[in-house]
Amino acid sequence: MSNVTIKKAELETVCGITSKIPDHDLPEIAFAGKSNVGKSSLINALMNRKSLARTSSQPGKTQTINFYSINDSLYFVDLPGYGYAKVSLEAKAKWGKMVENYLKRTRVLKIIFLLIDIRHDPSENDRSMYEWIVYHGYRPVIIATKLDKLKRSQVARQVKLVREGLGMKKEDILIPFSAETRQGREEIWDVIQERLVPNEDPKSAEE
């Protein structure tokens, strides 16, 4: 199902704290996660691009909401990374305001992917973000990143720890993913395509 050909992918809009959120009718797929969890690497892998979404070794660098146009038919929305200790409280408050503003204003958001490092138990920030997304009426799909850093024998245990750490329901989706090997990419596209079926309300996924 997931043989998606990416003919066109480009960064179309960058929104800062005072920017107006774009108003359009195309479906949006949002990506959230703490700094350095591999968000840019995942987005690049899904778009089949090496460096359209800029990866950075400097955590907390992305302080904007970036809208990527995919095949002129949907948008990937890259939310700024959270939880970096060196970012000031003022910056954290701005981040929260920006993301909340986006969640309240978007009419076309179909899925929120929340990225969690599969090697570690979810942090307090991860749990807060998960609960915050649920509070806004969405059931996030969890992408457990950095899969290639684990031995195969460790994967099932770590998946269980992530699910339990976040308090996920049995039916909630978790997809292990590696930007290095691209494992998980097809499953992620499957989820995107399923949710892009017309009249699918992402908030109804929890019912």
C-alpha atoms as a PDB file:
ATOM      1  CA  MET A   1       0.000   0.000   0.000  1.00  0.00           C
ATOM      2  CA  SER A   2       2.814   2.380   0.841  1.00  0.00           C
ATOM      3  CA  ASN A   3       4.661   2.694  -2.478  1.00  0.00           C
ATOM      4  CA  VAL A   4       4.575   6.468  -2.325  1.00  0.00           C
ATOM      5  CA  THR A   5       6.486   8.346  -5.001  1.00  0.00           C
ATOM      6  CA  ILE A   6       7.672  11.740  -3.812  1.00  0.00           C
ATOM      7  CA  LYS A   7       7.764  13.881  -6.939  1.00  0.00           C
ATOM      8  CA  LYS A   8       7.886  17.188  -5.110  1.00  0.00           C
ATOM      9  CA  ALA A   9       8.883  18.166  -1.580  1.00  0.00           C
ATOM     10  CA  GLU A  10       9.735  21.679  -0.504  1.00  0.00           C
ATOM     11  CA  LEU A  11       9.833  23.875   2.566  1.00  0.00           C
ATOM     12  CA  GLU A  12       6.964  26.262   1.921  1.00  0.00           C
ATOM     13  CA  THR A  13       6.279  28.200   5.132  1.00  0.00           C
ATOM     14  CA  VAL A  14       8.238  28.936   8.314  1.00  0.00           C
ATOM     15  CA  CYS A  15       6.195  30.230  11.267  1.00  0.00           C
ATOM     16  CA  GLY A  16       7.715  31.992  14.245  1.00  0.00           C
ATOM     17  CA  ILE A  17       5.988  33.065  17.436  1.00  0.00           C
ATOM     18  CA  THR A  18       4.193  36.008  15.794  1.00  0.00           C
ATOM     19  CA  SER A  19       3.515  34.383  12.421  1.00  0.00           C
ATOM     20  CA  LYS A  20       0.031  33.568  11.217  1.00  0.00           C
ATOM     21  CA  ILE A  21      -0.595  29.837  10.831  1.00  0.00           C
ATOM     22  CA  PRO A  22      -1.225  29.046   7.123  1.00  0.00           C
ATOM     23  CA  ASP A  23      -4.866  28.498   6.237  1.00  0.00           C
ATOM     24  CA  HIS A  24      -5.347  25.890   3.523  1.00  0.00           C
ATOM     25  CA  ASP A  25      -7.475  22.840   2.783  1.00  0.00           C
ATOM     26  CA  LEU A  26      -4.757  20.239   2.265  1.00  0.00           C
ATOM     27  CA  PRO A  27      -4.288  17.641   5.036  1.00  0.00           C
ATOM     28  CA  GLU A  28      -1.492  18.139   7.549  1.00  0.00           C
ATOM     29  CA  ILE A  29       0.703  15.548   9.257  1.00  0.00           C
ATOM     30  CA  ALA A  30       2.489  16.960  12.335  1.00  0.00           C
ATOM     31  CA  PHE A  31       5.735  15.749  13.920  1.00  0.00           C
ATOM     32  CA  ALA A  32       6.547  16.416  17.575  1.00  0.00           C
ATOM     33  CA  GLY A  33       9.424  15.256  19.735  1.00  0.00           C
ATOM     34  CA  LYS A  34      12.152  16.411  22.052  1.00  0.00           C
ATOM     35  CA  SER A  35      15.337  17.980  20.704  1.00  0.00           C
ATOM     36  CA  ASN A  36      17.684  15.549  18.930  1.00  0.00           C
ATOM     37  CA  VAL A  37      15.188  12.661  18.880  1.00  0.00           C
ATOM     38  CA  GLY A  38      15.581  12.398  15.092  1.00  0.00           C
ATOM     39  CA  LYS A  39      12.643  14.441  13.788  1.00  0.00           C
ATOM     40  CA  SER A  40      14.462  15.967  10.815  1.00  0.00           C
ATOM     41  CA  SER A  41      15.988  12.593   9.929  1.00  0.00           C
ATOM     42  CA  LEU A  42      12.539  10.968   9.950  1.00  0.00           C
ATOM     43  CA  ILE A  43      10.992  13.717   7.810  1.00  0.00           C
ATOM     44  CA  ASN A  44      13.865  13.483   5.315  1.00  0.00           C
ATOM     45  CA  ALA A  45      13.478   9.694   5.156  1.00  0.00           C
ATOM     46  CA  LEU A  46       9.728   9.954   4.521  1.00  0.00           C
ATOM     47  CA  MET A  47      10.284  12.591   1.818  1.00  0.00           C
ATOM     48  CA  ASN A  48      13.156  10.603   0.248  1.00  0.00           C
ATOM     49  CA  ARG A  49      15.395  13.636   0.607  1.00  0.00           C
ATOM     50  CA  LYS A  50      18.803  13.764   2.218  1.00  0.00           C
ATOM     51  CA  SER A  51      18.705  17.155   3.842  1.00  0.00           C
ATOM     52  CA  LEU A  52      15.543  19.128   3.093  1.00  0.00           C
ATOM     53  CA  ALA A  53      14.678  19.130   6.792  1.00  0.00           C
ATOM     54  CA  ARG A  54      17.896  20.335   8.373  1.00  0.00           C
ATOM     55  CA  THR A  55      19.389  18.077  10.977  1.00  0.00           C
ATOM     56  CA  SER A  56      21.450  19.684  13.689  1.00  0.00           C
ATOM     57  CA  SER A  57      23.840  18.429  16.332  1.00  0.00           C
ATOM     58  CA  GLN A  58      22.840  21.472  18.363  1.00  0.00           C
ATOM     59  CA  PRO A  59      19.700  20.634  20.366  1.00  0.00           C
ATOM     60  CA  GLY A  60      16.915  23.176  20.603  1.00  0.00           C
ATOM     61  CA  LYS A  61      17.917  24.820  17.322  1.00  0.00           C
ATOM     62  CA  THR A  62      14.531  24.629  15.593  1.00  0.00           C
ATOM     63  CA  GLN A  63      12.389  27.382  17.113  1.00  0.00           C
ATOM     64  CA  THR A  64       9.849  27.609  14.301  1.00  0.00           C
ATOM     65  CA  ILE A  65       6.998  25.562  12.859  1.00  0.00           C
ATOM     66  CA  ASN A  66       8.033  24.436   9.375  1.00  0.00           C
ATOM     67  CA  PHE A  67       5.487  23.461   6.709  1.00  0.00           C
ATOM     68  CA  TYR A  68       6.743  21.128   3.968  1.00  0.00           C
ATOM     69  CA  SER A  69       4.596  20.748   0.860  1.00  0.00           C
ATOM     70  CA  ILE A  70       4.540  17.134  -0.369  1.00  0.00           C
ATOM     71  CA  ASN A  71       3.423  16.426  -3.969  1.00  0.00           C
ATOM     72  CA  ASP A  72       1.122  19.469  -3.732  1.00  0.00           C
ATOM     73  CA  SER A  73      -1.319  17.185  -1.892  1.00  0.00           C
ATOM     74  CA  LEU A  74      -0.428  17.338   1.820  1.00  0.00           C
ATOM     75  CA  TYR A  75       1.818  19.088   4.335  1.00  0.00           C
ATOM     76  CA  PHE A  76       4.334  17.762   6.823  1.00  0.00           C
ATOM     77  CA  VAL A  77       4.385  20.115   9.802  1.00  0.00           C
ATOM     78  CA  ASP A  78       7.624  20.041  11.790  1.00  0.00           C
ATOM     79  CA  LEU A  79       7.002  21.322  15.318  1.00  0.00           C
ATOM     80  CA  PRO A  80       9.981  22.718  17.268  1.00  0.00           C
ATOM     81  CA  GLY A  81      11.801  20.253  19.519  1.00  0.00           C
ATOM     82  CA  TYR A  82      11.031  20.470  23.232  1.00  0.00           C
ATOM     83  CA  GLY A  83      12.787  19.644  26.471  1.00  0.00           C
ATOM     84  CA  TYR A  84      16.244  21.054  25.880  1.00  0.00           C
ATOM     85  CA  ALA A  85      17.602  22.140  29.271  1.00  0.00           C
ATOM     86  CA  LYS A  86      19.657  25.099  28.038  1.00  0.00           C
ATOM     87  CA  VAL A  87      16.670  26.839  26.461  1.00  0.00           C
ATOM     88  CA  SER A  88      15.390  29.631  28.702  1.00  0.00           C
ATOM     89  CA  LEU A  89      12.012  29.460  30.457  1.00  0.00           C
ATOM     90  CA  GLU A  90      10.883  32.341  28.275  1.00  0.00           C
ATOM     91  CA  ALA A  91      11.771  30.372  25.130  1.00  0.00           C
ATOM     92  CA  LYS A  92       9.959  27.299  26.491  1.00  0.00           C
ATOM     93  CA  ALA A  93       6.845  29.396  27.166  1.00  0.00           C
ATOM     94  CA  LYS A  94       6.985  30.780  23.611  1.00  0.00           C
ATOM     95  CA  TRP A  95       7.358  27.247  22.261  1.00  0.00           C
ATOM     96  CA  GLY A  96       4.269  26.091  24.174  1.00  0.00           C
ATOM     97  CA  LYS A  97       2.276  29.079  22.973  1.00  0.00           C
ATOM     98  CA  MET A  98       3.304  28.514  19.368  1.00  0.00           C
ATOM     99  CA  VAL A  99       2.400  24.825  19.342  1.00  0.00           C
ATOM    100  CA  GLU A 100      -0.852  25.375  21.232  1.00  0.00           C
ATOM    101  CA  ASN A 101      -1.775  28.115  18.778  1.00  0.00           C
ATOM    102  CA  TYR A 102      -1.131  25.692  15.904  1.00  0.00           C
ATOM    103  CA  LEU A 103      -3.208  22.879  17.467  1.00  0.00           C
ATOM    104  CA  LYS A 104      -6.105  25.234  18.137  1.00  0.00           C
ATOM    105  CA  ARG A 105      -6.103  26.871  14.714  1.00  0.00           C
ATOM    106  CA  THR A 106      -5.449  23.995  12.339  1.00  0.00           C
ATOM    107  CA  ARG A 107      -8.569  22.572  10.702  1.00  0.00           C
ATOM    108  CA  VAL A 108      -6.822  19.951   8.600  1.00  0.00           C
ATOM    109  CA  LEU A 109      -4.493  18.078  10.978  1.00  0.00           C
ATOM    110  CA  LYS A 110      -4.867  14.339  10.369  1.00  0.00           C
ATOM    111  CA  ILE A 111      -2.151  12.806  12.565  1.00  0.00           C
ATOM    112  CA  ILE A 112       0.374  13.843  15.162  1.00  0.00           C
ATOM    113  CA  PHE A 113       3.463  11.658  15.205  1.00  0.00           C
ATOM    114  CA  LEU A 114       5.224  11.870  18.562  1.00  0.00           C
ATOM    115  CA  LEU A 115       8.843  10.714  18.419  1.00  0.00           C
ATOM    116  CA  ILE A 116      10.373   8.930  21.406  1.00  0.00           C
ATOM    117  CA  ASP A 117      13.936   7.562  21.652  1.00  0.00           C
ATOM    118  CA  ILE A 118      13.417   3.779  21.841  1.00  0.00           C
ATOM    119  CA  ARG A 119      16.578   3.342  23.949  1.00  0.00           C
ATOM    120  CA  HIS A 120      15.195   5.153  26.978  1.00  0.00           C
ATOM    121  CA  ASP A 121      12.090   5.264  29.122  1.00  0.00           C
ATOM    122  CA  PRO A 122       9.902   8.258  28.144  1.00  0.00           C
ATOM    123  CA  SER A 123      11.060  11.387  29.978  1.00  0.00           C
ATOM    124  CA  GLU A 124       8.807  13.669  31.981  1.00  0.00           C
ATOM    125  CA  ASN A 125       8.748  16.008  28.969  1.00  0.00           C
ATOM    126  CA  ASP A 126       7.722  13.124  26.695  1.00  0.00           C
ATOM    127  CA  ARG A 127       4.885  12.138  29.028  1.00  0.00           C
ATOM    128  CA  SER A 128       3.724  15.751  29.347  1.00  0.00           C
ATOM    129  CA  MET A 129       3.716  16.167  25.560  1.00  0.00           C
ATOM    130  CA  TYR A 130       1.804  12.930  25.084  1.00  0.00           C
ATOM    131  CA  GLU A 131      -0.829  13.969  27.632  1.00  0.00           C
ATOM    132  CA  TRP A 132      -1.000  17.461  26.140  1.00  0.00           C
ATOM    133  CA  ILE A 133      -1.693  16.085  22.640  1.00  0.00           C
ATOM    134  CA  VAL A 134      -4.378  13.757  24.036  1.00  0.00           C
ATOM    135  CA  TYR A 135      -5.870  16.709  25.951  1.00  0.00           C
ATOM    136  CA  HIS A 136      -6.232  18.540  22.628  1.00  0.00           C
ATOM    137  CA  GLY A 137      -8.272  15.633  21.301  1.00  0.00           C
ATOM    138  CA  TYR A 138      -5.745  13.646  19.271  1.00  0.00           C
ATOM    139  CA  ARG A 139      -4.337  10.143  19.760  1.00  0.00           C
ATOM    140  CA  PRO A 140      -0.674  10.537  18.800  1.00  0.00           C
ATOM    141  CA  VAL A 141       1.019   7.806  16.788  1.00  0.00           C
ATOM    142  CA  ILE A 142       4.333   7.025  18.501  1.00  0.00           C
ATOM    143  CA  ILE A 143       7.497   6.688  16.412  1.00  0.00           C
ATOM    144  CA  ALA A 144      10.185   4.956  18.477  1.00  0.00           C
ATOM    145  CA  THR A 145      13.369   6.314  16.869  1.00  0.00           C
ATOM    146  CA  LYS A 146      17.013   5.166  16.803  1.00  0.00           C
ATOM    147  CA  LEU A 147      16.004   1.522  16.368  1.00  0.00           C
ATOM    148  CA  ASP A 148      19.390   0.684  14.817  1.00  0.00           C
ATOM    149  CA  LYS A 149      21.088   1.513  18.145  1.00  0.00           C
ATOM    150  CA  LEU A 150      19.453  -1.529  19.797  1.00  0.00           C
ATOM    151  CA  LYS A 151      20.151  -5.224  19.475  1.00  0.00           C
ATOM    152  CA  ARG A 152      17.222  -7.086  17.988  1.00  0.00           C
ATOM    153  CA  SER A 153      16.744  -8.971  21.259  1.00  0.00           C
ATOM    154  CA  GLN A 154      16.184  -5.666  23.116  1.00  0.00           C
ATOM    155  CA  VAL A 155      13.453  -4.234  20.874  1.00  0.00           C
ATOM    156  CA  ALA A 156      10.349  -5.912  22.329  1.00  0.00           C
ATOM    157  CA  ARG A 157      11.332  -4.960  25.891  1.00  0.00           C
ATOM    158  CA  GLN A 158      11.976  -1.324  24.964  1.00  0.00           C
ATOM    159  CA  VAL A 159       8.714  -1.059  23.009  1.00  0.00           C
ATOM    160  CA  LYS A 160       6.891  -2.330  26.108  1.00  0.00           C
ATOM    161  CA  LEU A 161       8.682   0.232  28.321  1.00  0.00           C
ATOM    162  CA  VAL A 162       7.775   3.104  25.987  1.00  0.00           C
ATOM    163  CA  ARG A 163       4.124   2.020  25.800  1.00  0.00           C
ATOM    164  CA  GLU A 164       3.872   1.644  29.568  1.00  0.00           C
ATOM    165  CA  GLY A 165       5.840   4.843  30.243  1.00  0.00           C
ATOM    166  CA  LEU A 166       3.420   6.900  28.165  1.00  0.00           C
ATOM    167  CA  GLY A 167       0.311   5.092  29.400  1.00  0.00           C
ATOM    168  CA  MET A 168      -0.663   4.113  25.859  1.00  0.00           C
ATOM    169  CA  LYS A 169      -3.871   2.222  25.203  1.00  0.00           C
ATOM    170  CA  LYS A 170      -3.736  -1.236  23.653  1.00  0.00           C
ATOM    171  CA  GLU A 171      -5.050   0.040  20.317  1.00  0.00           C
ATOM    172  CA  ASP A 172      -2.637   3.004  20.122  1.00  0.00           C
ATOM    173  CA  ILE A 173      -0.018   2.679  17.388  1.00  0.00           C
ATOM    174  CA  LEU A 174       3.737   2.525  18.019  1.00  0.00           C
ATOM    175  CA  ILE A 175       6.161   2.095  15.107  1.00  0.00           C
ATOM    176  CA  PRO A 176       9.883   1.400  15.724  1.00  0.00           C
ATOM    177  CA  PHE A 177      11.952   3.388  13.198  1.00  0.00           C
ATOM    178  CA  SER A 178      15.567   3.749  12.098  1.00  0.00           C
ATOM    179  CA  ALA A 179      16.721   6.667   9.944  1.00  0.00           C
ATOM    180  CA  GLU A 180      19.858   4.636   9.166  1.00  0.00           C
ATOM    181  CA  THR A 181      18.177   1.514   7.764  1.00  0.00           C
ATOM    182  CA  ARG A 182      14.793   3.116   6.922  1.00  0.00           C
ATOM    183  CA  GLN A 183      13.091   0.307   8.874  1.00  0.00           C
ATOM    184  CA  GLY A 184       9.578   1.458   9.767  1.00  0.00           C
ATOM    185  CA  ARG A 185       9.271   3.916   6.866  1.00  0.00           C
ATOM    186  CA  GLU A 186       6.704   1.813   4.978  1.00  0.00           C
ATOM    187  CA  GLU A 187       4.552   1.334   8.096  1.00  0.00           C
ATOM    188  CA  ILE A 188       4.563   5.084   8.751  1.00  0.00           C
ATOM    189  CA  TRP A 189       3.424   5.803   5.193  1.00  0.00           C
ATOM    190  CA  ASP A 190       0.714   3.135   5.589  1.00  0.00           C
ATOM    191  CA  VAL A 191      -0.641   5.001   8.625  1.00  0.00           C
ATOM    192  CA  ILE A 192      -0.510   8.329   6.754  1.00  0.00           C
ATOM    193  CA  GLN A 193      -2.376   6.914   3.763  1.00  0.00           C
ATOM    194  CA  GLU A 194      -5.039   5.314   5.966  1.00  0.00           C
ATOM    195  CA  ARG A 195      -5.679   8.608   7.740  1.00  0.00           C
ATOM    196  CA  LEU A 196      -5.869  10.543   4.472  1.00  0.00           C
ATOM    197  CA  VAL A 197      -9.049   8.701   3.520  1.00  0.00           C
ATOM    198  CA  PRO A 198     -11.713  11.421   3.097  1.00  0.00           C
ATOM    199  CA  ASN A 199     -13.951  12.177   6.078  1.00  0.00           C
ATOM    200  CA  GLU A 200     -11.526  10.632   8.527  1.00  0.00           C
ATOM    201  CA  ASP A 201     -11.513  12.740  11.688  1.00  0.00           C
ATOM    202  CA  PRO A 202      -8.270  12.207  13.652  1.00  0.00           C
ATOM    203  CA  LYS A 203     -10.106  12.937  16.871  1.00  0.00           C
ATOM    204  CA  SER A 204     -12.486  10.047  16.215  1.00  0.00           C
ATOM    205  CA  ALA A 205      -9.537   7.641  16.343  1.00  0.00           C
ATOM    206  CA  GLU A 206      -9.853   7.561  20.131  1.00  0.00           C
ATOM    207  CA  GLU A 207     -13.500   6.520  20.117  1.00  0.00           C
END
